[in-house]
Amino acid sequence: MKEMVGNLELEVEAVIDIDGEEYKVVNVPNADEYRGFPPSWDFVKSHMLTWRPYFKAKMIEINNQLIPAIGNFLLNLDEDMYELLLDIYYTFKVNKPSIETNISTVITRQIEKVEQKFGRGFTEEEKTRLYIKYGIETAILRDIGVIN
């Protein structure tokens, strides 16, 4: 069964009850799974150096892990996209960053974390590919209503 979550139609994987409230668990595609570019891609691409997203999702703690929710939808994200979402959450919702901080700052930090994981610096081509990947995933998060 598919449901509209923001501007995207997502597959519902399960329905669960949390503290008496019913939530539908939906799979959110990452950049590799999404066909083409999401509707918000042009906005994200054009505003990369100035956009300071507002975090709209609710974070629900389940088994000591924060799970993002939009309305009655729990979002199932892959590990990289979840790390990106958490970084956006802590940067723009929890920590109230300086005015110079924008979405590009978060994406650059994510690329640096991947470099550390691989134990080497990436080439400019590899960094560009990752920058586009994280930009697409940010657009997906915007399209489903996590950020605006």
C-alpha atoms as a PDB file:
ATOM      1  CA  MET A   1       0.000   0.000   0.000  1.00  0.00           C
ATOM      2  CA  LYS A   2       1.298   3.462  -0.882  1.00  0.00           C
ATOM      3  CA  GLU A   3       0.535   6.746   0.876  1.00  0.00           C
ATOM      4  CA  MET A   4       1.307  10.362   0.057  1.00  0.00           C
ATOM      5  CA  VAL A   5       3.806  11.776   2.536  1.00  0.00           C
ATOM      6  CA  GLY A   6       4.294  15.406   1.642  1.00  0.00           C
ATOM      7  CA  ASN A   7       4.914  15.459  -2.104  1.00  0.00           C
ATOM      8  CA  LEU A   8       6.098  11.857  -2.452  1.00  0.00           C
ATOM      9  CA  GLU A   9       4.220   8.578  -2.609  1.00  0.00           C
ATOM     10  CA  LEU A  10       5.891   6.106  -0.237  1.00  0.00           C
ATOM     11  CA  GLU A  11       5.392   2.425   0.475  1.00  0.00           C
ATOM     12  CA  VAL A  12       3.819   1.603   3.862  1.00  0.00           C
ATOM     13  CA  GLU A  13       5.714  -1.311   5.424  1.00  0.00           C
ATOM     14  CA  ALA A  14       3.875  -1.677   8.721  1.00  0.00           C
ATOM     15  CA  VAL A  15       1.410  -0.115  11.122  1.00  0.00           C
ATOM     16  CA  ILE A  16       2.520   0.076  14.746  1.00  0.00           C
ATOM     17  CA  ASP A  17       1.121   1.436  18.001  1.00  0.00           C
ATOM     18  CA  ILE A  18       3.256   3.753  20.123  1.00  0.00           C
ATOM     19  CA  ASP A  19       1.772   4.987  23.382  1.00  0.00           C
ATOM     20  CA  GLY A  20      -1.757   4.475  22.086  1.00  0.00           C
ATOM     21  CA  GLU A  21      -1.122   6.265  18.764  1.00  0.00           C
ATOM     22  CA  GLU A  22      -1.118   4.426  15.461  1.00  0.00           C
ATOM     23  CA  TYR A  23       1.816   5.120  13.100  1.00  0.00           C
ATOM     24  CA  LYS A  24       2.423   3.907   9.567  1.00  0.00           C
ATOM     25  CA  VAL A  25       6.045   2.987   8.886  1.00  0.00           C
ATOM     26  CA  VAL A  26       7.075   4.211   5.414  1.00  0.00           C
ATOM     27  CA  ASN A  27      10.266   3.518   3.498  1.00  0.00           C
ATOM     28  CA  VAL A  28      11.994   6.690   2.346  1.00  0.00           C
ATOM     29  CA  PRO A  29      14.128   6.175  -0.771  1.00  0.00           C
ATOM     30  CA  ASN A  30      17.738   7.323  -0.727  1.00  0.00           C
ATOM     31  CA  ALA A  31      19.414   9.067  -3.679  1.00  0.00           C
ATOM     32  CA  ASP A  32      20.326   5.746  -5.326  1.00  0.00           C
ATOM     33  CA  GLU A  33      16.783   4.368  -5.064  1.00  0.00           C
ATOM     34  CA  TYR A  34      14.963   7.522  -6.198  1.00  0.00           C
ATOM     35  CA  ARG A  35      14.416   7.675  -9.962  1.00  0.00           C
ATOM     36  CA  GLY A  36      15.401  11.022 -11.461  1.00  0.00           C
ATOM     37  CA  PHE A  37      15.420  14.122  -9.306  1.00  0.00           C
ATOM     38  CA  PRO A  38      12.898  14.864  -6.532  1.00  0.00           C
ATOM     39  CA  PRO A  39      10.600  17.908  -6.923  1.00  0.00           C
ATOM     40  CA  SER A  40      12.678  20.031  -4.496  1.00  0.00           C
ATOM     41  CA  TRP A  41      15.981  19.344  -6.279  1.00  0.00           C
ATOM     42  CA  ASP A  42      16.031  22.688  -8.126  1.00  0.00           C
ATOM     43  CA  PHE A  43      15.353  24.580  -4.882  1.00  0.00           C
ATOM     44  CA  VAL A  44      18.085  22.718  -2.969  1.00  0.00           C
ATOM     45  CA  LYS A  45      20.590  23.074  -5.816  1.00  0.00           C
ATOM     46  CA  SER A  46      19.906  26.813  -6.165  1.00  0.00           C
ATOM     47  CA  HIS A  47      19.966  27.607  -2.433  1.00  0.00           C
ATOM     48  CA  MET A  48      22.751  25.300  -1.219  1.00  0.00           C
ATOM     49  CA  LEU A  49      24.894  28.119   0.205  1.00  0.00           C
ATOM     50  CA  THR A  50      22.093  30.168   1.766  1.00  0.00           C
ATOM     51  CA  TRP A  51      19.376  27.740   2.858  1.00  0.00           C
ATOM     52  CA  ARG A  52      18.962  27.201   6.587  1.00  0.00           C
ATOM     53  CA  PRO A  53      16.226  24.553   6.770  1.00  0.00           C
ATOM     54  CA  TYR A  54      13.577  24.560   9.443  1.00  0.00           C
ATOM     55  CA  PHE A  55      13.245  21.073  10.976  1.00  0.00           C
ATOM     56  CA  LYS A  56       9.548  20.149  11.045  1.00  0.00           C
ATOM     57  CA  ALA A  57       9.569  16.444  11.901  1.00  0.00           C
ATOM     58  CA  LYS A  58       8.915  15.134  15.375  1.00  0.00           C
ATOM     59  CA  MET A  59      11.619  12.877  16.821  1.00  0.00           C
ATOM     60  CA  ILE A  60      10.194   9.910  18.737  1.00  0.00           C
ATOM     61  CA  GLU A  61      12.448   7.883  21.001  1.00  0.00           C
ATOM     62  CA  ILE A  62      12.046   4.136  20.466  1.00  0.00           C
ATOM     63  CA  ASN A  63      14.505   1.731  22.117  1.00  0.00           C
ATOM     64  CA  ASN A  64      16.932   4.608  22.822  1.00  0.00           C
ATOM     65  CA  GLN A  65      16.940   5.685  19.166  1.00  0.00           C
ATOM     66  CA  LEU A  66      15.380   8.826  17.731  1.00  0.00           C
ATOM     67  CA  ILE A  67      12.960   8.002  14.917  1.00  0.00           C
ATOM     68  CA  PRO A  68      11.654  10.824  12.707  1.00  0.00           C
ATOM     69  CA  ALA A  69       7.884  11.143  12.322  1.00  0.00           C
ATOM     70  CA  ILE A  70       5.757  13.324  10.075  1.00  0.00           C
ATOM     71  CA  GLY A  71       2.161  13.328  11.264  1.00  0.00           C
ATOM     72  CA  ASN A  72       1.249   9.659  11.741  1.00  0.00           C
ATOM     73  CA  PHE A  73       4.142   8.387   9.566  1.00  0.00           C
ATOM     74  CA  LEU A  74       7.365   6.969  10.983  1.00  0.00           C
ATOM     75  CA  LEU A  75      10.202   7.336   8.496  1.00  0.00           C
ATOM     76  CA  ASN A  76      12.398   4.336   7.721  1.00  0.00           C
ATOM     77  CA  LEU A  77      15.702   5.666   6.326  1.00  0.00           C
ATOM     78  CA  ASP A  78      18.938   3.968   5.325  1.00  0.00           C
ATOM     79  CA  GLU A  79      21.921   4.576   7.630  1.00  0.00           C
ATOM     80  CA  ASP A  80      23.549   7.384   5.590  1.00  0.00           C
ATOM     81  CA  MET A  81      20.296   9.272   5.133  1.00  0.00           C
ATOM     82  CA  TYR A  82      19.483   8.831   8.833  1.00  0.00           C
ATOM     83  CA  GLU A  83      22.902  10.301   9.761  1.00  0.00           C
ATOM     84  CA  LEU A  84      22.209  13.231   7.421  1.00  0.00           C
ATOM     85  CA  LEU A  85      18.795  13.791   9.011  1.00  0.00           C
ATOM     86  CA  LEU A  86      20.259  13.656  12.542  1.00  0.00           C
ATOM     87  CA  ASP A  87      22.958  16.156  11.581  1.00  0.00           C
ATOM     88  CA  ILE A  88      20.292  18.515  10.177  1.00  0.00           C
ATOM     89  CA  TYR A  89      18.203  18.009  13.337  1.00  0.00           C
ATOM     90  CA  TYR A  90      21.046  18.735  15.756  1.00  0.00           C
ATOM     91  CA  THR A  91      22.468  21.578  13.658  1.00  0.00           C
ATOM     92  CA  PHE A  92      19.282  23.526  12.947  1.00  0.00           C
ATOM     93  CA  LYS A  93      16.775  22.437  15.628  1.00  0.00           C
ATOM     94  CA  VAL A  94      18.768  21.633  18.765  1.00  0.00           C
ATOM     95  CA  ASN A  95      21.912  23.791  18.595  1.00  0.00           C
ATOM     96  CA  LYS A  96      20.675  27.028  16.956  1.00  0.00           C
ATOM     97  CA  PRO A  97      23.721  27.636  14.712  1.00  0.00           C
ATOM     98  CA  SER A  98      25.384  30.873  13.681  1.00  0.00           C
ATOM     99  CA  ILE A  99      23.924  32.766  10.746  1.00  0.00           C
ATOM    100  CA  GLU A 100      26.749  31.520   8.471  1.00  0.00           C
ATOM    101  CA  THR A 101      25.690  27.882   8.897  1.00  0.00           C
ATOM    102  CA  ASN A 102      23.669  26.531   5.974  1.00  0.00           C
ATOM    103  CA  ILE A 103      22.734  23.172   4.462  1.00  0.00           C
ATOM    104  CA  SER A 104      26.051  23.069   2.582  1.00  0.00           C
ATOM    105  CA  THR A 105      27.839  23.039   5.962  1.00  0.00           C
ATOM    106  CA  VAL A 106      25.955  19.888   6.976  1.00  0.00           C
ATOM    107  CA  ILE A 107      26.572  18.161   3.625  1.00  0.00           C
ATOM    108  CA  THR A 108      30.308  18.957   3.773  1.00  0.00           C
ATOM    109  CA  ARG A 109      30.433  17.508   7.300  1.00  0.00           C
ATOM    110  CA  GLN A 110      28.728  14.318   6.075  1.00  0.00           C
ATOM    111  CA  ILE A 111      31.304  13.941   3.290  1.00  0.00           C
ATOM    112  CA  GLU A 112      34.110  14.392   5.828  1.00  0.00           C
ATOM    113  CA  LYS A 113      32.580  11.632   7.979  1.00  0.00           C
ATOM    114  CA  VAL A 114      32.504   9.276   4.978  1.00  0.00           C
ATOM    115  CA  GLU A 115      36.159  10.117   4.252  1.00  0.00           C
ATOM    116  CA  GLN A 116      37.042   9.248   7.856  1.00  0.00           C
ATOM    117  CA  LYS A 117      35.136   5.977   7.567  1.00  0.00           C
ATOM    118  CA  PHE A 118      37.151   5.063   4.450  1.00  0.00           C
ATOM    119  CA  GLY A 119      40.389   6.342   5.998  1.00  0.00           C
ATOM    120  CA  ARG A 120      41.345   8.563   3.057  1.00  0.00           C
ATOM    121  CA  GLY A 121      40.562  11.864   1.424  1.00  0.00           C
ATOM    122  CA  PHE A 122      38.375  11.725  -1.655  1.00  0.00           C
ATOM    123  CA  THR A 123      39.129  13.136  -5.088  1.00  0.00           C
ATOM    124  CA  GLU A 124      37.196  16.191  -6.251  1.00  0.00           C
ATOM    125  CA  GLU A 125      35.093  13.924  -8.490  1.00  0.00           C
ATOM    126  CA  GLU A 126      34.193  11.648  -5.558  1.00  0.00           C
ATOM    127  CA  LYS A 127      33.335  14.647  -3.382  1.00  0.00           C
ATOM    128  CA  THR A 128      31.149  16.102  -6.138  1.00  0.00           C
ATOM    129  CA  ARG A 129      29.298  12.799  -6.509  1.00  0.00           C
ATOM    130  CA  LEU A 130      28.686  12.666  -2.746  1.00  0.00           C
ATOM    131  CA  TYR A 131      27.651  16.321  -2.677  1.00  0.00           C
ATOM    132  CA  ILE A 132      25.001  15.607  -5.323  1.00  0.00           C
ATOM    133  CA  LYS A 133      23.901  12.431  -3.475  1.00  0.00           C
ATOM    134  CA  TYR A 134      23.402  14.317  -0.207  1.00  0.00           C
ATOM    135  CA  GLY A 135      21.747  17.208  -2.064  1.00  0.00           C
ATOM    136  CA  ILE A 136      19.215  14.792  -3.570  1.00  0.00           C
ATOM    137  CA  GLU A 137      18.578  13.221  -0.173  1.00  0.00           C
ATOM    138  CA  THR A 138      18.081  16.677   1.344  1.00  0.00           C
ATOM    139  CA  ALA A 139      15.546  17.412  -1.419  1.00  0.00           C
ATOM    140  CA  ILE A 140      13.749  14.135  -0.607  1.00  0.00           C
ATOM    141  CA  LEU A 141      13.625  15.123   3.088  1.00  0.00           C
ATOM    142  CA  ARG A 142      12.177  18.496   2.050  1.00  0.00           C
ATOM    143  CA  ASP A 143       9.607  16.867  -0.230  1.00  0.00           C
ATOM    144  CA  ILE A 144       8.273  14.578   2.497  1.00  0.00           C
ATOM    145  CA  GLY A 145       8.033  17.478   4.939  1.00  0.00           C
ATOM    146  CA  VAL A 146      10.890  16.778   7.361  1.00  0.00           C
ATOM    147  CA  ILE A 147      12.443  20.169   6.596  1.00  0.00           C
ATOM    148  CA  ASN A 148      11.398  23.283   4.712  1.00  0.00           C
END
